[in-house]
Amino acid sequence: MAPKSTGESAQSDDGVHCAFFYGTLMVPEVFYSVCYGTKDVPEAVAKLHTFQPAILHGFCRRRVKSADYPGMVPDEDHHVIGVFATGLTNANMAKLDYFEGPEYERRTVKVRVLDKVGNLKGEGHVEGDEKSAQTYVFLHDKFLEEKEWDLEEFRREKLKFWTRAGHIFDDCDPDNPAKVADEAS
């Protein structure tokens, strides 16, 4: 069982957590594999969550060296396109903390949902409402490549491995989840 996180979390109107995902968790099947142990959840479970395109300003996403996933670090000159996810429970957040591990710190950020998604260069985005969300910030930027992480490449080449039962937590240490930023500071 994953340890409980101790930090406050951004919450949606219905009292559950919201998150901004920018890597493997942008794919609902990976999210379901992490939080529910299977990529094929019952329709009733799937309906508990929404996934909307969103943008986070002031950060950049890069490939983690020798890994299938990205890390995101503060960078005022960049932005990251990801998804704003709602309906996350305390149990979901504990599993996500466990999944992300000590390379990441969970923080509260302000994202904007995208009413229209533009091109890969960032042209044509139409930003909508600002939302508060939890996200995982990578703590060791020296382990990041200069290259941007590519979602479509991940879908083509790695997704099938990331949604196999049992595989998702193979390298996770249950005693060493992601840190949770102190909201009071």
N, C-alpha and C. Protein backbone atom coordinates (compact mmCIF):
# COMPACT_ATOMS: atom_id res chain seq x y z
N MET A 1 0.84 -1.18 0.00
CA MET A 1 0.00 0.00 0.00
C MET A 1 0.88 1.24 0.00
N ALA A 2 0.52 2.20 -0.80
CA ALA A 2 1.30 3.43 -0.91
C ALA A 2 1.10 4.29 0.32
N PRO A 3 2.16 4.97 0.74
CA PRO A 3 2.03 5.85 1.90
C PRO A 3 1.11 7.02 1.60
N LYS A 4 0.45 7.52 2.63
CA LYS A 4 -0.42 8.69 2.47
C LYS A 4 0.44 9.93 2.34
N SER A 5 0.02 10.84 1.47
CA SER A 5 0.73 12.11 1.38
C SER A 5 0.20 13.03 2.47
N THR A 6 1.04 13.96 2.84
CA THR A 6 0.67 14.83 3.96
C THR A 6 0.29 16.24 3.53
N GLY A 7 0.51 16.59 2.27
CA GLY A 7 0.28 17.96 1.85
C GLY A 7 -1.15 18.22 1.43
N GLU A 8 -1.52 19.48 1.51
CA GLU A 8 -2.81 19.91 0.97
C GLU A 8 -2.77 19.76 -0.53
N SER A 9 -3.91 19.69 -1.16
CA SER A 9 -3.95 19.52 -2.60
C SER A 9 -4.97 20.46 -3.22
N ALA A 10 -4.69 20.83 -4.47
CA ALA A 10 -5.68 21.60 -5.22
C ALA A 10 -6.91 20.72 -5.38
N GLN A 11 -8.08 21.29 -5.17
CA GLN A 11 -9.30 20.51 -5.23
C GLN A 11 -10.28 21.12 -6.21
N SER A 12 -11.04 20.24 -6.87
CA SER A 12 -12.08 20.71 -7.77
C SER A 12 -13.33 21.03 -6.95
N ASP A 13 -14.36 21.52 -7.63
CA ASP A 13 -15.57 21.94 -6.94
C ASP A 13 -16.24 20.81 -6.17
N ASP A 14 -16.05 19.57 -6.59
CA ASP A 14 -16.71 18.46 -5.91
C ASP A 14 -15.85 17.89 -4.77
N GLY A 15 -14.78 18.58 -4.38
CA GLY A 15 -14.03 18.19 -3.20
C GLY A 15 -12.96 17.15 -3.42
N VAL A 16 -12.67 16.80 -4.65
CA VAL A 16 -11.58 15.87 -4.90
C VAL A 16 -10.45 16.60 -5.61
N HIS A 17 -9.32 15.94 -5.74
CA HIS A 17 -8.12 16.58 -6.26
C HIS A 17 -8.14 16.78 -7.78
N CYS A 18 -7.37 17.78 -8.22
CA CYS A 18 -7.13 18.06 -9.63
C CYS A 18 -5.63 17.99 -9.85
N ALA A 19 -5.23 17.61 -11.05
CA ALA A 19 -3.80 17.51 -11.34
C ALA A 19 -3.52 17.98 -12.76
N PHE A 20 -2.27 18.39 -12.98
CA PHE A 20 -1.77 18.69 -14.31
C PHE A 20 -0.75 17.62 -14.65
N PHE A 21 -1.05 16.82 -15.68
CA PHE A 21 -0.15 15.78 -16.15
C PHE A 21 0.51 16.23 -17.44
N TYR A 22 1.81 15.97 -17.58
CA TYR A 22 2.54 16.45 -18.75
C TYR A 22 3.37 15.36 -19.41
N GLY A 23 3.25 14.12 -18.95
CA GLY A 23 4.05 13.03 -19.50
C GLY A 23 3.20 11.79 -19.71
N THR A 24 3.69 10.67 -19.24
CA THR A 24 3.01 9.39 -19.46
C THR A 24 1.58 9.40 -18.94
N LEU A 25 1.33 10.13 -17.86
CA LEU A 25 -0.01 10.17 -17.26
C LEU A 25 -1.02 10.95 -18.09
N MET A 26 -0.56 11.62 -19.16
CA MET A 26 -1.49 12.29 -20.08
C MET A 26 -2.36 11.26 -20.80
N VAL A 27 -1.87 10.04 -20.87
CA VAL A 27 -2.60 8.95 -21.53
C VAL A 27 -3.50 8.31 -20.47
N PRO A 28 -4.83 8.40 -20.62
CA PRO A 28 -5.71 7.86 -19.58
C PRO A 28 -5.41 6.40 -19.21
N GLU A 29 -5.01 5.58 -20.17
CA GLU A 29 -4.72 4.18 -19.86
C GLU A 29 -3.56 4.04 -18.88
N VAL A 30 -2.58 4.93 -18.96
CA VAL A 30 -1.47 4.90 -18.00
C VAL A 30 -1.97 5.36 -16.63
N PHE A 31 -2.74 6.45 -16.62
CA PHE A 31 -3.34 6.92 -15.36
C PHE A 31 -4.15 5.81 -14.69
N TYR A 32 -5.00 5.13 -15.47
CA TYR A 32 -5.81 4.04 -14.91
C TYR A 32 -4.94 2.90 -14.42
N SER A 33 -3.87 2.58 -15.15
CA SER A 33 -2.96 1.51 -14.73
C SER A 33 -2.31 1.84 -13.38
N VAL A 34 -1.91 3.10 -13.21
CA VAL A 34 -1.29 3.54 -11.96
C VAL A 34 -2.31 3.52 -10.81
N CYS A 35 -3.47 4.12 -11.06
CA CYS A 35 -4.43 4.33 -9.96
C CYS A 35 -5.36 3.16 -9.71
N TYR A 36 -5.58 2.30 -10.71
CA TYR A 36 -6.56 1.22 -10.55
C TYR A 36 -6.02 -0.16 -10.91
N GLY A 37 -4.76 -0.23 -11.33
CA GLY A 37 -4.15 -1.52 -11.61
C GLY A 37 -4.50 -2.14 -12.94
N THR A 38 -5.26 -1.43 -13.78
CA THR A 38 -5.62 -1.93 -15.10
C THR A 38 -5.89 -0.76 -16.02
N LYS A 39 -5.56 -0.94 -17.30
CA LYS A 39 -5.84 0.13 -18.26
C LYS A 39 -7.31 0.16 -18.66
N ASP A 40 -8.02 -0.95 -18.42
CA ASP A 40 -9.43 -1.09 -18.81
C ASP A 40 -10.31 -1.01 -17.57
N VAL A 41 -10.64 0.22 -17.16
CA VAL A 41 -11.47 0.40 -15.97
C VAL A 41 -12.95 0.36 -16.36
N PRO A 42 -13.82 0.00 -15.42
CA PRO A 42 -15.26 0.05 -15.72
C PRO A 42 -15.69 1.48 -16.08
N GLU A 43 -16.72 1.60 -16.88
CA GLU A 43 -17.21 2.90 -17.32
C GLU A 43 -17.51 3.82 -16.14
N ALA A 44 -18.05 3.26 -15.06
CA ALA A 44 -18.38 4.07 -13.88
C ALA A 44 -17.13 4.72 -13.29
N VAL A 45 -16.00 4.02 -13.31
CA VAL A 45 -14.74 4.59 -12.81
C VAL A 45 -14.23 5.65 -13.78
N ALA A 46 -14.25 5.36 -15.06
CA ALA A 46 -13.78 6.32 -16.07
C ALA A 46 -14.56 7.63 -15.98
N LYS A 47 -15.84 7.55 -15.69
CA LYS A 47 -16.68 8.76 -15.60
C LYS A 47 -16.35 9.63 -14.39
N LEU A 48 -15.59 9.10 -13.43
CA LEU A 48 -15.20 9.89 -12.26
C LEU A 48 -14.15 10.94 -12.61
N HIS A 49 -13.48 10.77 -13.76
CA HIS A 49 -12.36 11.62 -14.13
C HIS A 49 -12.62 12.34 -15.44
N THR A 50 -12.11 13.58 -15.52
CA THR A 50 -12.09 14.30 -16.79
C THR A 50 -10.65 14.64 -17.12
N PHE A 51 -10.36 14.73 -18.41
CA PHE A 51 -9.03 15.07 -18.90
C PHE A 51 -9.19 16.14 -19.98
N GLN A 52 -8.71 17.36 -19.69
CA GLN A 52 -8.82 18.47 -20.63
C GLN A 52 -7.43 18.97 -21.00
N PRO A 53 -7.20 19.34 -22.26
CA PRO A 53 -5.92 19.96 -22.61
C PRO A 53 -5.71 21.23 -21.78
N ALA A 54 -4.46 21.45 -21.36
CA ALA A 54 -4.15 22.61 -20.52
C ALA A 54 -2.71 23.04 -20.78
N ILE A 55 -2.41 24.26 -20.35
CA ILE A 55 -1.07 24.82 -20.52
C ILE A 55 -0.58 25.34 -19.16
N LEU A 56 0.69 25.10 -18.91
CA LEU A 56 1.34 25.60 -17.71
C LEU A 56 2.50 26.48 -18.14
N HIS A 57 2.42 27.76 -17.80
CA HIS A 57 3.48 28.72 -18.15
C HIS A 57 4.57 28.70 -17.09
N GLY A 58 5.80 29.01 -17.52
CA GLY A 58 6.90 29.12 -16.58
C GLY A 58 7.61 27.81 -16.27
N PHE A 59 7.40 26.79 -17.10
CA PHE A 59 8.06 25.50 -16.93
C PHE A 59 8.46 24.96 -18.29
N CYS A 60 9.42 24.04 -18.31
CA CYS A 60 9.74 23.32 -19.53
C CYS A 60 9.79 21.82 -19.23
N ARG A 61 9.48 21.04 -20.25
CA ARG A 61 9.46 19.57 -20.14
C ARG A 61 10.60 19.03 -21.00
N ARG A 62 11.36 18.12 -20.42
CA ARG A 62 12.47 17.49 -21.14
C ARG A 62 12.45 15.98 -20.88
N ARG A 63 13.09 15.27 -21.79
CA ARG A 63 13.26 13.83 -21.60
C ARG A 63 14.21 13.60 -20.42
N VAL A 64 13.91 12.60 -19.61
CA VAL A 64 14.83 12.17 -18.57
C VAL A 64 15.81 11.20 -19.23
N LYS A 65 17.10 11.39 -18.98
CA LYS A 65 18.14 10.55 -19.59
C LYS A 65 17.86 9.08 -19.29
N SER A 66 17.94 8.26 -20.32
CA SER A 66 17.78 6.80 -20.23
C SER A 66 16.42 6.39 -19.65
N ALA A 67 15.37 7.16 -19.93
CA ALA A 67 14.04 6.84 -19.42
C ALA A 67 12.99 7.08 -20.50
N ASP A 68 11.81 6.52 -20.29
CA ASP A 68 10.69 6.70 -21.22
C ASP A 68 9.84 7.91 -20.89
N TYR A 69 10.12 8.56 -19.79
CA TYR A 69 9.25 9.62 -19.28
C TYR A 69 9.99 10.95 -19.19
N PRO A 70 9.23 12.05 -19.06
CA PRO A 70 9.86 13.37 -18.95
C PRO A 70 9.98 13.85 -17.51
N GLY A 71 10.70 14.93 -17.37
CA GLY A 71 10.73 15.71 -16.15
C GLY A 71 10.37 17.14 -16.52
N MET A 72 9.80 17.85 -15.61
CA MET A 72 9.42 19.25 -15.85
C MET A 72 10.08 20.10 -14.77
N VAL A 73 10.70 21.19 -15.19
CA VAL A 73 11.39 22.09 -14.27
C VAL A 73 10.97 23.53 -14.54
N PRO A 74 11.08 24.40 -13.52
CA PRO A 74 10.74 25.81 -13.74
C PRO A 74 11.63 26.42 -14.80
N ASP A 75 11.03 27.23 -15.69
CA ASP A 75 11.75 27.95 -16.74
C ASP A 75 10.80 29.02 -17.26
N GLU A 76 11.05 30.26 -16.87
CA GLU A 76 10.15 31.36 -17.20
C GLU A 76 9.94 31.57 -18.69
N ASP A 77 10.87 31.11 -19.52
CA ASP A 77 10.78 31.34 -20.96
C ASP A 77 10.00 30.26 -21.72
N HIS A 78 9.45 29.30 -21.02
CA HIS A 78 8.78 28.19 -21.69
C HIS A 78 7.38 27.94 -21.11
N HIS A 79 6.68 27.04 -21.77
CA HIS A 79 5.39 26.56 -21.28
C HIS A 79 5.28 25.07 -21.62
N VAL A 80 4.39 24.39 -20.94
CA VAL A 80 4.20 22.96 -21.14
C VAL A 80 2.72 22.72 -21.44
N ILE A 81 2.48 21.95 -22.51
CA ILE A 81 1.12 21.52 -22.82
C ILE A 81 0.92 20.15 -22.18
N GLY A 82 -0.18 20.00 -21.48
CA GLY A 82 -0.50 18.74 -20.83
C GLY A 82 -1.99 18.59 -20.70
N VAL A 83 -2.43 17.88 -19.65
CA VAL A 83 -3.85 17.73 -19.40
C VAL A 83 -4.17 18.10 -17.96
N PHE A 84 -5.32 18.71 -17.80
CA PHE A 84 -5.88 19.03 -16.49
C PHE A 84 -6.86 17.90 -16.17
N ALA A 85 -6.55 17.15 -15.13
CA ALA A 85 -7.35 15.98 -14.75
C ALA A 85 -8.11 16.28 -13.46
N THR A 86 -9.38 15.88 -13.42
CA THR A 86 -10.20 16.08 -12.22
C THR A 86 -10.69 14.73 -11.71
N GLY A 87 -11.24 14.77 -10.50
CA GLY A 87 -11.85 13.59 -9.92
C GLY A 87 -10.88 12.67 -9.19
N LEU A 88 -9.69 13.14 -8.89
CA LEU A 88 -8.70 12.29 -8.22
C LEU A 88 -8.98 12.23 -6.72
N THR A 89 -8.95 11.04 -6.18
CA THR A 89 -9.20 10.83 -4.76
C THR A 89 -7.90 10.88 -3.98
N ASN A 90 -8.00 10.86 -2.66
CA ASN A 90 -6.80 10.76 -1.82
C ASN A 90 -6.02 9.50 -2.16
N ALA A 91 -6.72 8.39 -2.40
CA ALA A 91 -6.05 7.13 -2.76
C ALA A 91 -5.33 7.27 -4.10
N ASN A 92 -5.95 7.95 -5.08
CA ASN A 92 -5.28 8.19 -6.36
C ASN A 92 -4.00 8.98 -6.14
N MET A 93 -4.07 10.04 -5.33
CA MET A 93 -2.90 10.90 -5.09
C MET A 93 -1.79 10.11 -4.40
N ALA A 94 -2.13 9.25 -3.46
CA ALA A 94 -1.11 8.43 -2.79
C ALA A 94 -0.43 7.50 -3.81
N LYS A 95 -1.20 6.91 -4.70
CA LYS A 95 -0.61 6.03 -5.72
C LYS A 95 0.26 6.84 -6.69
N LEU A 96 -0.18 8.03 -7.04
CA LEU A 96 0.62 8.88 -7.92
C LEU A 96 1.92 9.30 -7.25
N ASP A 97 1.88 9.64 -5.96
CA ASP A 97 3.10 9.98 -5.22
C ASP A 97 4.08 8.80 -5.23
N TYR A 98 3.56 7.62 -5.01
CA TYR A 98 4.36 6.39 -5.02
C TYR A 98 4.94 6.15 -6.41
N PHE A 99 4.12 6.30 -7.44
CA PHE A 99 4.54 6.11 -8.82
C PHE A 99 5.64 7.09 -9.21
N GLU A 100 5.48 8.36 -8.87
CA GLU A 100 6.45 9.38 -9.25
C GLU A 100 7.77 9.23 -8.49
N GLY A 101 7.70 8.89 -7.22
CA GLY A 101 8.90 8.63 -6.45
C GLY A 101 9.70 9.87 -6.09
N PRO A 102 10.88 9.65 -5.52
CA PRO A 102 11.66 10.74 -4.94
C PRO A 102 12.33 11.66 -5.97
N GLU A 103 12.23 11.34 -7.26
CA GLU A 103 12.78 12.24 -8.28
C GLU A 103 11.90 13.47 -8.46
N TYR A 104 10.70 13.45 -7.89
CA TYR A 104 9.71 14.50 -8.11
C TYR A 104 9.20 15.06 -6.79
N GLU A 105 8.71 16.30 -6.88
CA GLU A 105 8.00 16.94 -5.77
C GLU A 105 6.64 17.38 -6.28
N ARG A 106 5.59 17.01 -5.55
CA ARG A 106 4.24 17.44 -5.93
C ARG A 106 4.02 18.86 -5.43
N ARG A 107 3.63 19.73 -6.36
CA ARG A 107 3.40 21.13 -6.04
C ARG A 107 2.05 21.59 -6.60
N THR A 108 1.52 22.65 -6.03
CA THR A 108 0.33 23.28 -6.56
C THR A 108 0.75 24.35 -7.55
N VAL A 109 0.13 24.33 -8.72
CA VAL A 109 0.41 25.30 -9.78
C VAL A 109 -0.91 25.83 -10.33
N LYS A 110 -0.81 26.90 -11.10
CA LYS A 110 -1.97 27.46 -11.80
C LYS A 110 -1.82 27.15 -13.28
N VAL A 111 -2.79 26.45 -13.83
CA VAL A 111 -2.78 26.12 -15.26
C VAL A 111 -3.97 26.81 -15.92
N ARG A 112 -3.93 26.85 -17.23
CA ARG A 112 -5.07 27.35 -18.00
C ARG A 112 -5.54 26.22 -18.89
N VAL A 113 -6.83 25.91 -18.80
CA VAL A 113 -7.38 24.92 -19.72
C VAL A 113 -7.33 25.54 -21.12
N LEU A 114 -7.18 24.69 -22.12
CA LEU A 114 -7.12 25.17 -23.49
C LEU A 114 -8.47 24.96 -24.15
N ASP A 115 -9.07 26.07 -24.58
CA ASP A 115 -10.33 25.97 -25.33
C ASP A 115 -10.06 25.51 -26.74
N LYS A 116 -8.83 25.78 -27.23
CA LYS A 116 -8.41 25.30 -28.55
C LYS A 116 -6.92 24.99 -28.47
N VAL A 117 -6.53 23.82 -28.97
CA VAL A 117 -5.13 23.42 -28.98
C VAL A 117 -4.53 23.82 -30.33
N GLY A 118 -3.42 24.54 -30.28
CA GLY A 118 -2.75 24.99 -31.49
C GLY A 118 -1.77 23.95 -32.01
N ASN A 119 -0.75 24.43 -32.71
CA ASN A 119 0.23 23.53 -33.31
C ASN A 119 1.38 23.24 -32.33
N LEU A 120 2.33 22.42 -32.76
CA LEU A 120 3.45 22.03 -31.90
C LEU A 120 4.36 23.19 -31.55
N LYS A 121 4.35 24.25 -32.35
CA LYS A 121 5.16 25.43 -32.05
C LYS A 121 4.48 26.34 -31.02
N GLY A 122 3.25 26.00 -30.63
CA GLY A 122 2.54 26.80 -29.65
C GLY A 122 1.68 27.87 -30.25
N GLU A 123 1.60 27.89 -31.57
CA GLU A 123 0.78 28.89 -32.24
C GLU A 123 -0.67 28.41 -32.32
N GLY A 124 -1.60 29.32 -32.02
CA GLY A 124 -3.01 28.99 -32.16
C GLY A 124 -3.70 28.50 -30.90
N HIS A 125 -2.98 28.42 -29.79
CA HIS A 125 -3.63 28.01 -28.54
C HIS A 125 -4.61 29.10 -28.11
N VAL A 126 -5.78 28.69 -27.66
CA VAL A 126 -6.74 29.61 -27.08
C VAL A 126 -6.92 29.19 -25.62
N GLU A 127 -6.43 30.05 -24.72
CA GLU A 127 -6.46 29.74 -23.30
C GLU A 127 -7.79 30.12 -22.69
N GLY A 128 -8.27 29.23 -21.81
CA GLY A 128 -9.53 29.46 -21.11
C GLY A 128 -9.29 29.74 -19.64
N ASP A 129 -10.14 29.18 -18.81
CA ASP A 129 -10.12 29.43 -17.37
C ASP A 129 -8.83 28.98 -16.70
N GLU A 130 -8.42 29.73 -15.68
CA GLU A 130 -7.29 29.35 -14.84
C GLU A 130 -7.78 28.39 -13.77
N LYS A 131 -7.01 27.32 -13.53
CA LYS A 131 -7.35 26.31 -12.54
C LYS A 131 -6.14 26.02 -11.67
N SER A 132 -6.39 25.69 -10.44
CA SER A 132 -5.34 25.24 -9.53
C SER A 132 -5.23 23.72 -9.65
N ALA A 133 -3.99 23.23 -9.71
CA ALA A 133 -3.79 21.79 -9.89
C ALA A 133 -2.50 21.34 -9.22
N GLN A 134 -2.43 20.08 -8.89
CA GLN A 134 -1.21 19.45 -8.41
C GLN A 134 -0.41 19.01 -9.63
N THR A 135 0.91 19.12 -9.56
CA THR A 135 1.76 18.58 -10.62
C THR A 135 3.05 18.09 -9.98
N TYR A 136 3.80 17.33 -10.74
CA TYR A 136 5.04 16.75 -10.25
C TYR A 136 6.22 17.42 -10.94
N VAL A 137 7.03 18.14 -10.16
CA VAL A 137 8.19 18.86 -10.66
C VAL A 137 9.42 18.00 -10.45
N PHE A 138 10.21 17.85 -11.49
CA PHE A 138 11.43 17.04 -11.44
C PHE A 138 12.48 17.77 -10.63
N LEU A 139 13.17 17.07 -9.74
CA LEU A 139 14.09 17.71 -8.80
C LEU A 139 15.55 17.72 -9.24
N HIS A 140 15.89 17.02 -10.32
CA HIS A 140 17.29 16.87 -10.69
C HIS A 140 17.49 17.23 -12.16
N ASP A 141 17.49 18.51 -12.49
CA ASP A 141 17.55 18.91 -13.89
C ASP A 141 18.83 18.47 -14.60
N LYS A 142 19.87 18.11 -13.86
CA LYS A 142 21.10 17.62 -14.51
C LYS A 142 20.86 16.26 -15.20
N PHE A 143 19.77 15.58 -14.88
CA PHE A 143 19.44 14.31 -15.51
C PHE A 143 18.49 14.47 -16.69
N LEU A 144 18.22 15.70 -17.08
CA LEU A 144 17.34 15.95 -18.22
C LEU A 144 18.15 16.19 -19.49
N GLU A 145 17.65 15.65 -20.59
CA GLU A 145 18.24 15.91 -21.90
C GLU A 145 17.77 17.28 -22.38
N GLU A 146 18.42 17.81 -23.38
CA GLU A 146 17.97 19.06 -24.00
C GLU A 146 16.71 18.84 -24.84
N LYS A 147 16.51 17.61 -25.25
CA LYS A 147 15.40 17.27 -26.14
C LYS A 147 14.06 17.25 -25.40
N GLU A 148 13.05 17.81 -26.04
CA GLU A 148 11.67 17.78 -25.54
C GLU A 148 11.17 16.33 -25.56
N TRP A 149 10.40 15.95 -24.56
CA TRP A 149 9.77 14.64 -24.53
C TRP A 149 8.63 14.64 -25.54
N ASP A 150 8.44 13.53 -26.25
CA ASP A 150 7.48 13.44 -27.34
C ASP A 150 6.37 12.44 -27.00
N LEU A 151 5.15 12.95 -26.79
CA LEU A 151 4.01 12.10 -26.44
C LEU A 151 3.70 11.10 -27.55
N GLU A 152 3.72 11.53 -28.78
CA GLU A 152 3.37 10.61 -29.88
C GLU A 152 4.40 9.49 -30.02
N GLU A 153 5.66 9.81 -29.82
CA GLU A 153 6.70 8.77 -29.83
C GLU A 153 6.45 7.77 -28.69
N PHE A 154 6.11 8.29 -27.51
CA PHE A 154 5.79 7.42 -26.38
C PHE A 154 4.62 6.50 -26.73
N ARG A 155 3.54 7.04 -27.29
CA ARG A 155 2.38 6.23 -27.67
C ARG A 155 2.77 5.11 -28.64
N ARG A 156 3.56 5.46 -29.65
CA ARG A 156 3.96 4.49 -30.69
C ARG A 156 4.88 3.41 -30.15
N GLU A 157 5.88 3.81 -29.35
CA GLU A 157 6.96 2.90 -29.02
C GLU A 157 6.94 2.32 -27.61
N LYS A 158 6.26 2.96 -26.65
CA LYS A 158 6.39 2.54 -25.25
C LYS A 158 5.08 2.25 -24.53
N LEU A 159 3.96 2.79 -25.03
CA LEU A 159 2.70 2.70 -24.30
C LEU A 159 2.33 1.27 -23.94
N LYS A 160 2.51 0.33 -24.84
CA LYS A 160 2.11 -1.06 -24.58
C LYS A 160 2.83 -1.62 -23.36
N PHE A 161 4.05 -1.17 -23.09
CA PHE A 161 4.78 -1.64 -21.92
C PHE A 161 4.29 -0.99 -20.63
N TRP A 162 3.83 0.25 -20.74
CA TRP A 162 3.41 1.02 -19.58
C TRP A 162 2.01 0.67 -19.10
N THR A 163 1.29 -0.12 -19.84
CA THR A 163 -0.08 -0.47 -19.43
C THR A 163 -0.22 -1.97 -19.15
N ARG A 164 0.90 -2.68 -19.05
CA ARG A 164 0.85 -4.10 -18.67
C ARG A 164 0.61 -4.20 -17.18
N ALA A 165 -0.26 -5.11 -16.79
CA ALA A 165 -0.56 -5.32 -15.37
C ALA A 165 0.74 -5.62 -14.61
N GLY A 166 0.93 -4.95 -13.48
CA GLY A 166 2.08 -5.21 -12.63
C GLY A 166 3.33 -4.45 -13.02
N HIS A 167 3.50 -4.05 -14.28
CA HIS A 167 4.71 -3.40 -14.73
C HIS A 167 4.86 -1.98 -14.18
N ILE A 168 3.78 -1.32 -14.00
CA ILE A 168 3.79 0.11 -13.70
C ILE A 168 4.55 0.46 -12.42
N PHE A 169 4.56 -0.44 -11.44
CA PHE A 169 5.22 -0.16 -10.17
C PHE A 169 6.50 -0.97 -9.97
N ASP A 170 7.00 -1.63 -11.02
CA ASP A 170 8.18 -2.49 -10.89
C ASP A 170 9.37 -1.79 -10.24
N ASP A 171 9.64 -0.55 -10.62
CA ASP A 171 10.83 0.15 -10.11
C ASP A 171 10.51 1.14 -8.99
N CYS A 172 9.31 1.09 -8.45
CA CYS A 172 8.90 2.04 -7.41
C CYS A 172 9.27 1.53 -6.03
N ASP A 173 9.66 2.45 -5.16
CA ASP A 173 9.99 2.12 -3.77
C ASP A 173 8.85 2.64 -2.89
N PRO A 174 8.09 1.72 -2.27
CA PRO A 174 6.93 2.16 -1.47
C PRO A 174 7.32 3.03 -0.28
N ASP A 175 8.58 2.99 0.12
CA ASP A 175 9.02 3.80 1.25
C ASP A 175 9.61 5.15 0.81
N ASN A 176 9.55 5.43 -0.50
CA ASN A 176 10.17 6.65 -1.00
C ASN A 176 9.31 7.31 -2.09
N PRO A 177 8.12 7.81 -1.72
CA PRO A 177 7.25 8.46 -2.70
C PRO A 177 7.73 9.87 -3.03
N ALA A 178 7.04 10.52 -3.96
CA ALA A 178 7.33 11.92 -4.28
C ALA A 178 7.15 12.77 -3.03
N LYS A 179 7.97 13.79 -2.92
CA LYS A 179 7.80 14.75 -1.83
C LYS A 179 6.58 15.60 -2.15
N VAL A 180 5.96 16.13 -1.11
CA VAL A 180 4.84 17.04 -1.29
C VAL A 180 5.26 18.39 -0.75
N ALA A 181 5.21 19.40 -1.62
CA ALA A 181 5.64 20.74 -1.22
C ALA A 181 4.79 21.25 -0.08
N ASP A 182 5.41 21.97 0.82
CA ASP A 182 4.70 22.59 1.93
C ASP A 182 3.91 23.77 1.40
N GLU A 183 2.60 23.69 1.48
CA GLU A 183 1.72 24.73 0.94
C GLU A 183 1.82 26.03 1.73
N ALA A 184 2.29 25.98 2.96
CA ALA A 184 2.33 27.18 3.78
C ALA A 184 3.51 28.08 3.42
N SER A 185 4.53 27.53 2.74
CA SER A 185 5.72 28.34 2.47
C SER A 185 5.59 29.16 1.21
